[in-house]
Amino acid sequence: MQMSREEIMETLRNIVLSADSIGKSNLPDLREDLMLVRDLGFSSLDMLYMAVMIEETFQIRLQNLSELNLQTVGDVVDLIHCHSEMPKEQSP
């Protein structure tokens, strides 16, 4: 079953909140236009953590993160949404 963008955002918010280095007290409302590095303060370690958590939570397999060019929360939602539309045997 495909998840809606809203469901993906809610799950992604929980993943972001679970990252140790993200300041939870000053985390803005998670919106698709927020920049991962500039607005949320993501480090390369945070990106890796998020990728692992996305793979585990959404049961998808991500390729090389550096090639994905994820800049915003919306980019991450698009990536998850795209993978959730693929049949499991075709997911990369």
C-alpha atoms as a PDB file:
ATOM      1  CA  MET A   1       0.000   0.000   0.000  1.00  0.00           C
ATOM      2  CA  GLN A   2       1.340   3.415  -0.968  1.00  0.00           C
ATOM      3  CA  MET A   3       1.671   6.008   1.784  1.00  0.00           C
ATOM      4  CA  SER A   4       0.407   9.551   1.336  1.00  0.00           C
ATOM      5  CA  ARG A   5       2.854  12.463   1.452  1.00  0.00           C
ATOM      6  CA  GLU A   6       1.352  13.427   4.822  1.00  0.00           C
ATOM      7  CA  GLU A   7       1.991   9.945   6.236  1.00  0.00           C
ATOM      8  CA  ILE A   8       5.547  10.019   4.912  1.00  0.00           C
ATOM      9  CA  MET A   9       6.099  13.472   6.477  1.00  0.00           C
ATOM     10  CA  GLU A  10       4.843  12.300   9.881  1.00  0.00           C
ATOM     11  CA  THR A  11       7.100   9.240   9.830  1.00  0.00           C
ATOM     12  CA  LEU A  12      10.024  11.342   8.598  1.00  0.00           C
ATOM     13  CA  ARG A  13       9.447  13.822  11.444  1.00  0.00           C
ATOM     14  CA  ASN A  14       9.827  10.976  13.939  1.00  0.00           C
ATOM     15  CA  ILE A  15      13.063   9.905  12.229  1.00  0.00           C
ATOM     16  CA  VAL A  16      14.453  13.455  12.329  1.00  0.00           C
ATOM     17  CA  LEU A  17      13.498  13.824  15.991  1.00  0.00           C
ATOM     18  CA  SER A  18      15.329  10.594  16.820  1.00  0.00           C
ATOM     19  CA  ALA A  19      18.646  11.878  15.391  1.00  0.00           C
ATOM     20  CA  ASP A  20      20.957  12.553  18.340  1.00  0.00           C
ATOM     21  CA  SER A  21      22.644  15.671  16.968  1.00  0.00           C
ATOM     22  CA  ILE A  22      19.468  17.508  15.944  1.00  0.00           C
ATOM     23  CA  GLY A  23      18.438  20.098  18.540  1.00  0.00           C
ATOM     24  CA  LYS A  24      14.939  18.894  19.355  1.00  0.00           C
ATOM     25  CA  SER A  25      13.971  21.984  21.315  1.00  0.00           C
ATOM     26  CA  ASN A  26      14.543  24.311  18.366  1.00  0.00           C
ATOM     27  CA  LEU A  27      13.356  21.996  15.590  1.00  0.00           C
ATOM     28  CA  PRO A  28      10.981  23.963  13.382  1.00  0.00           C
ATOM     29  CA  ASP A  29       7.767  22.443  12.112  1.00  0.00           C
ATOM     30  CA  LEU A  30       8.927  19.998   9.482  1.00  0.00           C
ATOM     31  CA  ARG A  31       7.974  21.365   6.068  1.00  0.00           C
ATOM     32  CA  GLU A  32       8.942  20.173   2.616  1.00  0.00           C
ATOM     33  CA  ASP A  33      10.718  23.444   1.809  1.00  0.00           C
ATOM     34  CA  LEU A  34      13.199  23.196   4.705  1.00  0.00           C
ATOM     35  CA  MET A  35      16.838  22.651   3.730  1.00  0.00           C
ATOM     36  CA  LEU A  36      18.378  19.627   5.465  1.00  0.00           C
ATOM     37  CA  VAL A  37      21.748  21.266   6.169  1.00  0.00           C
ATOM     38  CA  ARG A  38      20.942  24.975   6.421  1.00  0.00           C
ATOM     39  CA  ASP A  39      17.589  24.845   8.235  1.00  0.00           C
ATOM     40  CA  LEU A  40      17.796  21.577  10.162  1.00  0.00           C
ATOM     41  CA  GLY A  41      21.558  21.519  10.763  1.00  0.00           C
ATOM     42  CA  PHE A  42      22.071  18.047   9.304  1.00  0.00           C
ATOM     43  CA  SER A  43      25.637  16.760   9.280  1.00  0.00           C
ATOM     44  CA  SER A  44      26.892  13.974   7.027  1.00  0.00           C
ATOM     45  CA  LEU A  45      26.375  11.611   9.974  1.00  0.00           C
ATOM     46  CA  ASP A  46      22.753  12.764  10.298  1.00  0.00           C
ATOM     47  CA  MET A  47      22.230  12.095   6.583  1.00  0.00           C
ATOM     48  CA  LEU A  48      23.619   8.592   6.956  1.00  0.00           C
ATOM     49  CA  TYR A  49      21.478   7.934  10.033  1.00  0.00           C
ATOM     50  CA  MET A  50      18.395   9.197   8.206  1.00  0.00           C
ATOM     51  CA  ALA A  51      19.151   6.961   5.209  1.00  0.00           C
ATOM     52  CA  VAL A  52      19.473   3.869   7.419  1.00  0.00           C
ATOM     53  CA  MET A  53      16.282   4.709   9.282  1.00  0.00           C
ATOM     54  CA  ILE A  54      14.408   5.333   6.015  1.00  0.00           C
ATOM     55  CA  GLU A  55      15.542   1.965   4.666  1.00  0.00           C
ATOM     56  CA  GLU A  56      14.438   0.179   7.839  1.00  0.00           C
ATOM     57  CA  THR A  57      11.189   2.066   8.360  1.00  0.00           C
ATOM     58  CA  PHE A  58       9.924   2.157   4.788  1.00  0.00           C
ATOM     59  CA  GLN A  59      11.440  -1.202   3.749  1.00  0.00           C
ATOM     60  CA  ILE A  60      13.217   0.315   0.743  1.00  0.00           C
ATOM     61  CA  ARG A  61      16.800   0.135  -0.487  1.00  0.00           C
ATOM     62  CA  LEU A  62      18.614   3.386  -1.275  1.00  0.00           C
ATOM     63  CA  GLN A  63      21.568   3.657  -3.614  1.00  0.00           C
ATOM     64  CA  ASN A  64      24.569   5.954  -3.170  1.00  0.00           C
ATOM     65  CA  LEU A  65      23.329   8.949  -1.141  1.00  0.00           C
ATOM     66  CA  SER A  66      25.831  11.363  -2.663  1.00  0.00           C
ATOM     67  CA  GLU A  67      24.271  10.769  -6.073  1.00  0.00           C
ATOM     68  CA  LEU A  68      20.734  11.478  -4.841  1.00  0.00           C
ATOM     69  CA  ASN A  69      21.384  15.196  -4.214  1.00  0.00           C
ATOM     70  CA  LEU A  70      18.945  15.471  -1.314  1.00  0.00           C
ATOM     71  CA  GLN A  71      18.723  19.143  -0.363  1.00  0.00           C
ATOM     72  CA  THR A  72      15.280  19.603   1.169  1.00  0.00           C
ATOM     73  CA  VAL A  73      12.795  17.647   3.236  1.00  0.00           C
ATOM     74  CA  GLY A  74      10.642  17.572   0.090  1.00  0.00           C
ATOM     75  CA  ASP A  75      13.459  15.821  -1.797  1.00  0.00           C
ATOM     76  CA  VAL A  76      13.456  13.095   0.851  1.00  0.00           C
ATOM     77  CA  VAL A  77       9.655  12.771   0.704  1.00  0.00           C
ATOM     78  CA  ASP A  78       9.832  12.529  -3.106  1.00  0.00           C
ATOM     79  CA  LEU A  79      12.470   9.800  -2.851  1.00  0.00           C
ATOM     80  CA  ILE A  80      10.417   7.761  -0.384  1.00  0.00           C
ATOM     81  CA  HIS A  81       7.211   8.316  -2.333  1.00  0.00           C
ATOM     82  CA  CYS A  82       8.885   7.203  -5.574  1.00  0.00           C
ATOM     83  CA  HIS A  83      10.281   4.038  -3.956  1.00  0.00           C
ATOM     84  CA  SER A  84       6.946   3.208  -2.350  1.00  0.00           C
ATOM     85  CA  GLU A  85       5.318   3.156  -5.804  1.00  0.00           C
ATOM     86  CA  MET A  86       7.782   0.530  -7.123  1.00  0.00           C
ATOM     87  CA  PRO A  87       7.050  -3.166  -6.769  1.00  0.00           C
ATOM     88  CA  LYS A  88       9.331  -4.614  -4.082  1.00  0.00           C
ATOM     89  CA  GLU A  89      11.317  -6.811  -6.463  1.00  0.00           C
ATOM     90  CA  GLN A  90      12.175  -3.768  -8.617  1.00  0.00           C
ATOM     91  CA  SER A  91      13.257  -1.443  -5.789  1.00  0.00           C
ATOM     92  CA  PRO A  92      16.961  -0.627  -6.041  1.00  0.00           C
END
